[in-house]
Amino acid sequence: MYIGVKDVEPKSNYTLLLTFKNEEVRLFDMRPFLDKGQFKELYDLTMFNTVHVSFDTIEWDNELDFDPEILYSQSTPVV
């Protein structure tokens, strides 16, 4: 199921508060990805906090982006 990202807010502990276009709000934990390839650059909190919505997904100022399907399927609903 493809649902685009509408809003993103960086939170503490390398998590992202995501609002999807279906109005669901979910929390995504980036920590499992921070040891992989170019994602290591996001350990720098200044870079991590540059996250923003780009088209239907998220992107950082270093041009890394993330598949919105993974963001949705591996995030947890915020109640």
Protein backbone atom coordinates (compact mmCIF):
# COMPACT_ATOMS: atom_id res chain seq x y z
CA MET A 1 0.00 0.00 0.00
CA TYR A 2 1.48 3.34 -1.06
CA ILE A 3 0.72 6.33 1.15
CA GLY A 4 2.73 9.51 0.70
CA VAL A 5 4.19 11.58 3.50
CA LYS A 6 2.54 14.93 4.19
CA ASP A 7 4.66 16.19 7.11
CA VAL A 8 7.78 15.17 9.06
CA GLU A 9 9.17 16.34 12.37
CA PRO A 10 12.52 15.14 13.77
CA LYS A 11 12.25 14.02 17.39
CA SER A 12 14.70 12.92 20.05
CA ASN A 13 16.48 9.58 19.88
CA TYR A 14 16.66 9.62 16.07
CA THR A 15 12.94 9.20 15.56
CA LEU A 16 10.67 10.92 13.08
CA LEU A 17 7.08 11.93 13.63
CA LEU A 18 5.39 11.38 10.27
CA THR A 19 1.99 12.49 9.07
CA PHE A 20 0.82 10.61 6.01
CA LYS A 21 -1.60 11.82 3.37
CA ASN A 22 -4.32 9.61 4.86
CA GLU A 23 -3.94 11.75 8.05
CA GLU A 24 -2.33 8.92 10.07
CA VAL A 25 0.41 10.04 12.44
CA ARG A 26 3.17 7.48 12.97
CA LEU A 27 6.59 7.31 14.65
CA PHE A 28 9.55 5.96 12.68
CA ASP A 29 12.78 4.89 14.40
CA MET A 30 15.84 5.66 12.27
CA ARG A 31 18.34 4.00 14.64
CA PRO A 32 18.40 0.60 12.84
CA PHE A 33 19.40 2.37 9.61
CA LEU A 34 22.12 4.66 10.95
CA ASP A 35 24.88 2.04 10.60
CA LYS A 36 24.20 1.55 6.89
CA GLY A 37 26.09 3.33 4.12
CA GLN A 38 25.45 7.02 3.72
CA PHE A 39 22.85 6.99 6.51
CA LYS A 40 25.80 7.17 8.94
CA GLU A 41 25.91 10.89 8.13
CA LEU A 42 22.61 11.25 10.01
CA TYR A 43 24.33 10.53 13.34
CA ASP A 44 25.17 14.23 13.14
CA LEU A 45 22.05 15.73 14.73
CA THR A 46 22.44 18.92 12.73
CA MET A 47 22.13 16.87 9.54
CA PHE A 48 19.41 14.62 10.98
CA ASN A 49 17.31 17.66 11.80
CA THR A 50 17.38 18.91 8.18
CA VAL A 51 14.74 16.32 7.25
CA HIS A 52 11.87 17.67 5.18
CA VAL A 53 9.10 16.46 2.88
CA SER A 54 10.12 16.08 -0.73
CA PHE A 55 7.34 15.06 -3.11
CA ASP A 56 5.69 12.06 -1.34
CA THR A 57 8.58 11.11 0.92
CA ILE A 58 11.28 12.60 3.15
CA GLU A 59 14.73 13.87 2.32
CA TRP A 60 17.71 15.36 4.16
CA ASP A 61 20.00 18.17 3.01
CA ASN A 62 22.64 15.57 2.04
CA GLU A 63 20.10 14.31 -0.56
CA LEU A 64 19.34 11.03 1.20
CA ASP A 65 15.73 10.00 0.96
CA PHE A 66 13.56 7.13 2.16
CA ASP A 67 10.93 4.96 0.51
CA PRO A 68 7.50 6.04 1.83
CA GLU A 69 6.30 2.42 1.84
CA ILE A 70 9.06 1.49 4.30
CA LEU A 71 8.35 4.59 6.37
CA TYR A 72 4.73 3.50 6.68
CA SER A 73 5.18 -0.24 7.16
CA GLN A 74 7.98 0.06 9.72
CA SER A 75 6.51 2.90 11.78
CA THR A 76 4.15 2.67 14.72
CA PRO A 77 0.88 4.54 15.10
CA VAL A 78 0.81 7.47 17.51
CA VAL A 79 -2.28 7.29 19.66
